[in-house]
C-alpha atoms as a PDB file:
ATOM      1  CA  MET A   1      -0.096  -0.108  -0.195  1.00  0.00           C
ATOM      2  CA  LEU A   2       2.721   2.392   0.677  1.00  0.00           C
ATOM      3  CA  GLY A   3       4.162   2.090  -2.799  1.00  0.00           C
ATOM      4  CA  LEU A   4       0.915   2.757  -4.249  1.00  0.00           C
ATOM      5  CA  ARG A   5       0.701   5.906  -2.237  1.00  0.00           C
ATOM      6  CA  ALA A   6       3.962   7.014  -3.376  1.00  0.00           C
ATOM      7  CA  SER A   7       3.464   6.156  -7.104  1.00  0.00           C
ATOM      8  CA  PRO A   8       3.685   8.881  -9.523  1.00  0.00           C
ATOM      9  CA  ARG A   9       0.735   7.303 -11.364  1.00  0.00           C
ATOM     10  CA  TRP A  10      -1.628   5.828  -8.585  1.00  0.00           C
ATOM     11  CA  GLY A  11      -0.668   8.315  -5.765  1.00  0.00           C
ATOM     12  CA  ARG A  12      -3.136  11.034  -6.093  1.00  0.00           C
ATOM     13  CA  TRP A  13      -5.970   8.716  -6.252  1.00  0.00           C
ATOM     14  CA  VAL A  14      -4.704   6.411  -3.624  1.00  0.00           C
ATOM     15  CA  SER A  15      -3.656   8.921  -0.960  1.00  0.00           C
ATOM     16  CA  GLY A  16      -6.835  10.336  -0.692  1.00  0.00           C
ATOM     17  CA  ARG A  17      -8.826   7.028   0.355  1.00  0.00           C
ATOM     18  CA  LEU A  18      -6.019   5.037   2.111  1.00  0.00           C
ATOM     19  CA  THR A  19      -3.729   5.972   5.194  1.00  0.00           C
ATOM     20  CA  VAL A  20      -1.579   4.364   7.573  1.00  0.00           C
ATOM     21  CA  VAL A  21      -2.321   4.957  10.925  1.00  0.00           C
ATOM     22  CA  THR A  22       0.153   4.507  14.188  1.00  0.00           C
ATOM     23  CA  TYR A  23      -0.667   4.145  17.996  1.00  0.00           C
ATOM     24  CA  THR A  24       0.538   2.739  21.004  1.00  0.00           C
ATOM     25  CA  GLY A  25      -0.970  -0.529  22.128  1.00  0.00           C
ATOM     26  CA  ARG A  26      -2.688   0.204  25.556  1.00  0.00           C
ATOM     27  CA  ARG A  27      -1.392  -2.810  27.240  1.00  0.00           C
ATOM     28  CA  SER A  28       1.855  -3.429  25.159  1.00  0.00           C
ATOM     29  CA  GLY A  29       2.887  -0.124  25.074  1.00  0.00           C
ATOM     30  CA  ARG A  30       4.290  -0.885  21.644  1.00  0.00           C
ATOM     31  CA  THR A  31       4.119   1.365  18.814  1.00  0.00           C
ATOM     32  CA  PHE A  32       2.330  -0.256  15.763  1.00  0.00           C
ATOM     33  CA  SER A  33       1.239   1.175  12.074  1.00  0.00           C
ATOM     34  CA  THR A  34      -1.082  -0.342   9.922  1.00  0.00           C
ATOM     35  CA  PRO A  35      -2.622   0.460   6.798  1.00  0.00           C
ATOM     36  CA  VAL A  36      -6.611   1.776   6.491  1.00  0.00           C
ATOM     37  CA  GLY A  37      -9.261   3.164   4.437  1.00  0.00           C
ATOM     38  CA  TYR A  38     -10.716   6.492   5.848  1.00  0.00           C
ATOM     39  CA  GLN A  39     -13.089   9.318   4.820  1.00  0.00           C
ATOM     40  CA  ARG A  40     -12.626  12.780   5.558  1.00  0.00           C
ATOM     41  CA  THR A  41     -15.493  14.579   7.554  1.00  0.00           C
ATOM     42  CA  ALA A  42     -15.822  18.354   8.655  1.00  0.00           C
ATOM     43  CA  ASP A  43     -13.614  17.814  11.716  1.00  0.00           C
ATOM     44  CA  GLY A  44     -11.643  14.874  11.180  1.00  0.00           C
ATOM     45  CA  VAL A  45     -11.470  11.084   9.595  1.00  0.00           C
ATOM     46  CA  THR A  46     -13.768   8.087   9.745  1.00  0.00           C
ATOM     47  CA  ILE A  47     -12.418   4.614   9.477  1.00  0.00           C
ATOM     48  CA  ALA A  48     -14.440   1.732   8.752  1.00  0.00           C
ATOM     49  CA  VAL A  49     -12.899  -1.601  10.141  1.00  0.00           C
ATOM     50  CA  ALA A  50     -13.317  -3.859   7.510  1.00  0.00           C
ATOM     51  CA  LEU A  51     -13.629  -7.610   9.021  1.00  0.00           C
ATOM     52  CA  PRO A  52     -13.523  -6.342  12.504  1.00  0.00           C
ATOM     53  CA  GLU A  53     -13.898  -9.725  14.025  1.00  0.00           C
ATOM     54  CA  ARG A  54     -10.744 -10.923  12.431  1.00  0.00           C
ATOM     55  CA  LYS A  55      -8.698  -7.823  13.956  1.00  0.00           C
ATOM     56  CA  LEU A  56      -7.828  -6.328  17.270  1.00  0.00           C
ATOM     57  CA  TRP A  57      -6.111  -3.371  16.492  1.00  0.00           C
ATOM     58  CA  TRP A  58      -9.479  -1.296  16.552  1.00  0.00           C
ATOM     59  CA  ARG A  59     -10.074  -2.663  20.295  1.00  0.00           C
ATOM     60  CA  ASN A  60      -7.485  -0.002  21.693  1.00  0.00           C
ATOM     61  CA  PHE A  61      -9.852   2.903  20.614  1.00  0.00           C
ATOM     62  CA  THR A  62     -12.997   1.425  22.426  1.00  0.00           C
ATOM     63  CA  GLY A  63     -14.234   3.339  25.681  1.00  0.00           C
ATOM     64  CA  GLU A  64     -13.130   6.854  25.799  1.00  0.00           C
ATOM     65  CA  GLY A  65     -10.706   6.206  22.601  1.00  0.00           C
ATOM     66  CA  TRP A  66      -7.320   6.774  22.474  1.00  0.00           C
ATOM     67  CA  PRO A  67      -4.358   8.824  20.821  1.00  0.00           C
ATOM     68  CA  ILE A  68      -3.796   8.082  16.996  1.00  0.00           C
ATOM     69  CA  SER A  69      -1.655   9.479  14.197  1.00  0.00           C
ATOM     70  CA  LEU A  70      -1.928   9.417  10.790  1.00  0.00           C
ATOM     71  CA  ASP A  71      -0.542  10.844   7.581  1.00  0.00           C
ATOM     72  CA  LEU A  72      -2.882  13.261   5.769  1.00  0.00           C
ATOM     73  CA  ASP A  73      -2.021  15.050   2.345  1.00  0.00           C
ATOM     74  CA  GLY A  74       1.690  14.296   3.322  1.00  0.00           C
ATOM     75  CA  ALA A  75       1.800  15.436   6.517  1.00  0.00           C
ATOM     76  CA  GLU A  76       1.705  13.354  10.367  1.00  0.00           C
ATOM     77  CA  ARG A  77      -1.393  14.231  12.018  1.00  0.00           C
ATOM     78  CA  THR A  78      -2.620  13.508  15.306  1.00  0.00           C
ATOM     79  CA  GLY A  79      -5.728  12.862  16.950  1.00  0.00           C
ATOM     80  CA  HIS A  80      -8.107  11.204  19.078  1.00  0.00           C
ATOM     81  CA  ALA A  81      -9.770   8.065  17.991  1.00  0.00           C
ATOM     82  CA  VAL A  82     -13.143   6.360  19.373  1.00  0.00           C
ATOM     83  CA  ALA A  83     -14.081   3.056  18.224  1.00  0.00           C
ATOM     84  CA  ARG A  84     -18.057   2.228  17.982  1.00  0.00           C
ATOM     85  CA  VAL A  85     -19.565  -0.951  16.909  1.00  0.00           C
ATOM     86  CA  ASP A  86     -23.057  -0.895  15.889  1.00  0.00           C
ATOM     87  CA  GLY A  87     -25.951  -3.226  16.176  1.00  0.00           C
ATOM     88  CA  LYS A  88     -24.624  -5.409  13.080  1.00  0.00           C
ATOM     89  CA  GLY A  89     -21.286  -5.740  14.720  1.00  0.00           C
ATOM     90  CA  ARG A  90     -19.664  -3.116  12.449  1.00  0.00           C
ATOM     91  CA  VAL A  91     -16.589  -0.789  13.356  1.00  0.00           C
ATOM     92  CA  THR A  92     -16.299   2.390  12.771  1.00  0.00           C
ATOM     93  CA  ILE A  93     -13.725   4.686  14.097  1.00  0.00           C
ATOM     94  CA  SER A  94     -14.031   8.424  14.649  1.00  0.00           C
ATOM     95  CA  VAL A  95     -11.046  10.601  14.521  1.00  0.00           C
ATOM     96  CA  ARG A  96     -10.964  14.107  15.864  1.00  0.00           C
ATOM     97  CA  LEU A  97      -7.816  15.751  14.442  1.00  0.00           C
ATOM     98  CA  ASP A  98      -5.669  17.942  16.929  1.00  0.00           C
ATOM     99  CA  HIS A  99      -5.184  21.646  15.416  1.00  0.00           C
ATOM    100  CA  PRO A 100      -2.173  21.284  12.729  1.00  0.00           C
ATOM    101  CA  PRO A 101       0.729  23.614  14.580  1.00  0.00           C
ATOM    102  CA  ALA A 102       0.405  27.196  13.350  1.00  0.00           C
ATOM    103  CA  ALA A 103       2.732  28.203  10.351  1.00  0.00           C
ATOM    104  CA  SER A 104       5.835  30.171  11.635  1.00  0.00           C
ATOM    105  CA  SER A 105       6.380  33.671  10.332  1.00  0.00           C
ATOM    106  CA  ARG A 106       9.422  35.265   9.394  1.00  0.00           C
END
């Protein structure tokens, strides 16, 4: 996936739909990175977890949520992610992005 995002031919289409999220495991304290599909929202990002019953990573974001970082528009952005499970077992993670750093003036 990372190769596709960097590709001159496909990168501009793929990078608007796929990204890599990085987070620290709640129990292990280890840092993990995983590719995900996403959609931009007015104040953040929504990640629909495909086949959530086969994955464990999203569980770090249940309850009150957990910090996350992701690559958006070529820049690393941080935020707070909260996972929600609906009545049909589908998992959606809502990421509220932190404000981007202010541009420095010279």
